[in-house]
Amino acid sequence: MEHAAELKIANYSGLEDKRIFQPIAVESLGPLNETACRFLKDLGRRISAQSGDERESAFLFQRLSVLIQRFNAILLHDSFESADHLG
């Protein structure tokens, strides 16, 4: 997982200095890469500072979790043959 993040960093190293590139590598049923986890926690703290709701970081990770679950469901669905091809 960390290796995948390093490859993404190398691939996008030519971006302008005005942008921040943060790869987020996630295993299907596992954790985030370390730098992405720190980035998302910091982002959650910043959102909380703006909104006044200390739960924003938890909400951010919950939304990310749902996103991963939806993506995994799509991958699972697409791995089956269409019913049109079975008859």
C-alpha atoms as a PDB file:
ATOM      1  CA  MET A   1       0.000   0.000   0.000  1.00  0.00           C
ATOM      2  CA  GLU A   2       2.791   2.432   0.867  1.00  0.00           C
ATOM      3  CA  HIS A   3       4.501   1.414  -2.378  1.00  0.00           C
ATOM      4  CA  ALA A   4       1.368   2.304  -4.363  1.00  0.00           C
ATOM      5  CA  ALA A   5       1.337   5.747  -2.746  1.00  0.00           C
ATOM      6  CA  GLU A   6       5.027   6.245  -3.579  1.00  0.00           C
ATOM      7  CA  LEU A   7       4.378   5.356  -7.236  1.00  0.00           C
ATOM      8  CA  LYS A   8       1.564   7.920  -7.379  1.00  0.00           C
ATOM      9  CA  ILE A   9       3.827  10.592  -5.897  1.00  0.00           C
ATOM     10  CA  ALA A  10       6.492   9.847  -8.511  1.00  0.00           C
ATOM     11  CA  ASN A  11       3.909   9.877 -11.299  1.00  0.00           C
ATOM     12  CA  TYR A  12       2.565  13.311 -10.333  1.00  0.00           C
ATOM     13  CA  SER A  13       5.858  14.911  -9.297  1.00  0.00           C
ATOM     14  CA  GLY A  14       5.673  17.357 -12.220  1.00  0.00           C
ATOM     15  CA  LEU A  15       2.671  19.238 -10.833  1.00  0.00           C
ATOM     16  CA  GLU A  16       3.125  22.923 -10.185  1.00  0.00           C
ATOM     17  CA  ASP A  17       4.334  23.996  -6.745  1.00  0.00           C
ATOM     18  CA  LYS A  18       0.983  25.695  -6.185  1.00  0.00           C
ATOM     19  CA  ARG A  19      -0.736  22.345  -5.762  1.00  0.00           C
ATOM     20  CA  ILE A  20      -0.473  19.709  -3.087  1.00  0.00           C
ATOM     21  CA  PHE A  21      -0.707  16.122  -4.253  1.00  0.00           C
ATOM     22  CA  GLN A  22      -1.728  13.647  -1.568  1.00  0.00           C
ATOM     23  CA  PRO A  23      -2.149  10.051  -2.718  1.00  0.00           C
ATOM     24  CA  ILE A  24      -4.713   8.080  -0.791  1.00  0.00           C
ATOM     25  CA  ALA A  25      -4.030   4.363  -1.043  1.00  0.00           C
ATOM     26  CA  VAL A  26      -6.664   2.133   0.517  1.00  0.00           C
ATOM     27  CA  GLU A  27      -6.761  -1.632   0.710  1.00  0.00           C
ATOM     28  CA  SER A  28     -10.186  -3.062  -0.039  1.00  0.00           C
ATOM     29  CA  LEU A  29     -10.717  -4.335   3.488  1.00  0.00           C
ATOM     30  CA  GLY A  30      -7.812  -2.676   5.224  1.00  0.00           C
ATOM     31  CA  PRO A  31      -6.247   0.537   6.356  1.00  0.00           C
ATOM     32  CA  LEU A  32      -5.208   3.741   4.614  1.00  0.00           C
ATOM     33  CA  ASN A  33      -1.595   4.519   3.876  1.00  0.00           C
ATOM     34  CA  GLU A  34       0.053   6.437   6.736  1.00  0.00           C
ATOM     35  CA  THR A  35       0.425   9.830   5.049  1.00  0.00           C
ATOM     36  CA  ALA A  36      -3.176   9.754   3.809  1.00  0.00           C
ATOM     37  CA  CYS A  37      -4.405   9.000   7.317  1.00  0.00           C
ATOM     38  CA  ARG A  38      -2.490  11.985   8.719  1.00  0.00           C
ATOM     39  CA  PHE A  39      -3.763  14.183   5.876  1.00  0.00           C
ATOM     40  CA  LEU A  40      -7.402  13.185   6.442  1.00  0.00           C
ATOM     41  CA  LYS A  41      -7.132  13.695  10.215  1.00  0.00           C
ATOM     42  CA  ASP A  42      -5.685  17.164   9.628  1.00  0.00           C
ATOM     43  CA  LEU A  43      -8.405  17.921   7.077  1.00  0.00           C
ATOM     44  CA  GLY A  44     -11.048  16.792   9.581  1.00  0.00           C
ATOM     45  CA  ARG A  45      -9.576  19.082  12.251  1.00  0.00           C
ATOM     46  CA  ARG A  46      -9.625  22.004   9.830  1.00  0.00           C
ATOM     47  CA  ILE A  47     -13.237  21.320   8.850  1.00  0.00           C
ATOM     48  CA  SER A  48     -14.144  21.102  12.553  1.00  0.00           C
ATOM     49  CA  ALA A  49     -12.465  24.449  13.215  1.00  0.00           C
ATOM     50  CA  GLN A  50     -14.601  26.046  10.502  1.00  0.00           C
ATOM     51  CA  SER A  51     -17.891  24.347  11.338  1.00  0.00           C
ATOM     52  CA  GLY A  52     -17.578  24.240  15.105  1.00  0.00           C
ATOM     53  CA  ASP A  53     -18.565  20.551  15.127  1.00  0.00           C
ATOM     54  CA  GLU A  54     -15.833  18.343  16.601  1.00  0.00           C
ATOM     55  CA  ARG A  55     -17.320  15.259  14.909  1.00  0.00           C
ATOM     56  CA  GLU A  56     -16.313  16.366  11.394  1.00  0.00           C
ATOM     57  CA  SER A  57     -13.214  14.143  11.347  1.00  0.00           C
ATOM     58  CA  ALA A  58     -15.330  11.107  12.237  1.00  0.00           C
ATOM     59  CA  PHE A  59     -17.847  12.064   9.561  1.00  0.00           C
ATOM     60  CA  LEU A  60     -15.065  12.354   6.989  1.00  0.00           C
ATOM     61  CA  PHE A  61     -13.789   8.842   7.751  1.00  0.00           C
ATOM     62  CA  GLN A  62     -17.358   7.490   7.725  1.00  0.00           C
ATOM     63  CA  ARG A  63     -17.968   8.964   4.269  1.00  0.00           C
ATOM     64  CA  LEU A  64     -14.704   7.478   3.044  1.00  0.00           C
ATOM     65  CA  SER A  65     -15.718   4.096   4.462  1.00  0.00           C
ATOM     66  CA  VAL A  66     -19.073   4.213   2.640  1.00  0.00           C
ATOM     67  CA  LEU A  67     -17.309   5.216  -0.579  1.00  0.00           C
ATOM     68  CA  ILE A  68     -15.003   2.185  -0.328  1.00  0.00           C
ATOM     69  CA  GLN A  69     -17.954  -0.119   0.407  1.00  0.00           C
ATOM     70  CA  ARG A  70     -19.830   1.175  -2.649  1.00  0.00           C
ATOM     71  CA  PHE A  71     -16.773   0.723  -4.849  1.00  0.00           C
ATOM     72  CA  ASN A  72     -16.277  -2.834  -3.568  1.00  0.00           C
ATOM     73  CA  ALA A  73     -19.950  -3.591  -4.289  1.00  0.00           C
ATOM     74  CA  ILE A  74     -19.530  -2.349  -7.863  1.00  0.00           C
ATOM     75  CA  LEU A  75     -16.428  -4.475  -8.334  1.00  0.00           C
ATOM     76  CA  LEU A  76     -18.234  -7.526  -6.954  1.00  0.00           C
ATOM     77  CA  HIS A  77     -21.255  -6.910  -9.164  1.00  0.00           C
ATOM     78  CA  ASP A  78     -19.107  -6.449 -12.259  1.00  0.00           C
ATOM     79  CA  SER A  79     -17.246  -9.688 -11.568  1.00  0.00           C
ATOM     80  CA  PHE A  80     -20.383 -11.762 -12.326  1.00  0.00           C
ATOM     81  CA  GLU A  81     -21.511 -12.594 -15.830  1.00  0.00           C
ATOM     82  CA  SER A  82     -24.596 -10.848 -17.091  1.00  0.00           C
ATOM     83  CA  ALA A  83     -27.814 -12.935 -16.924  1.00  0.00           C
ATOM     84  CA  ASP A  84     -28.202 -12.309 -20.686  1.00  0.00           C
ATOM     85  CA  HIS A  85     -25.179 -14.531 -21.358  1.00  0.00           C
ATOM     86  CA  LEU A  86     -26.414 -17.486 -19.286  1.00  0.00           C
ATOM     87  CA  GLY A  87     -29.197 -18.811 -21.397  1.00  0.00           C
END
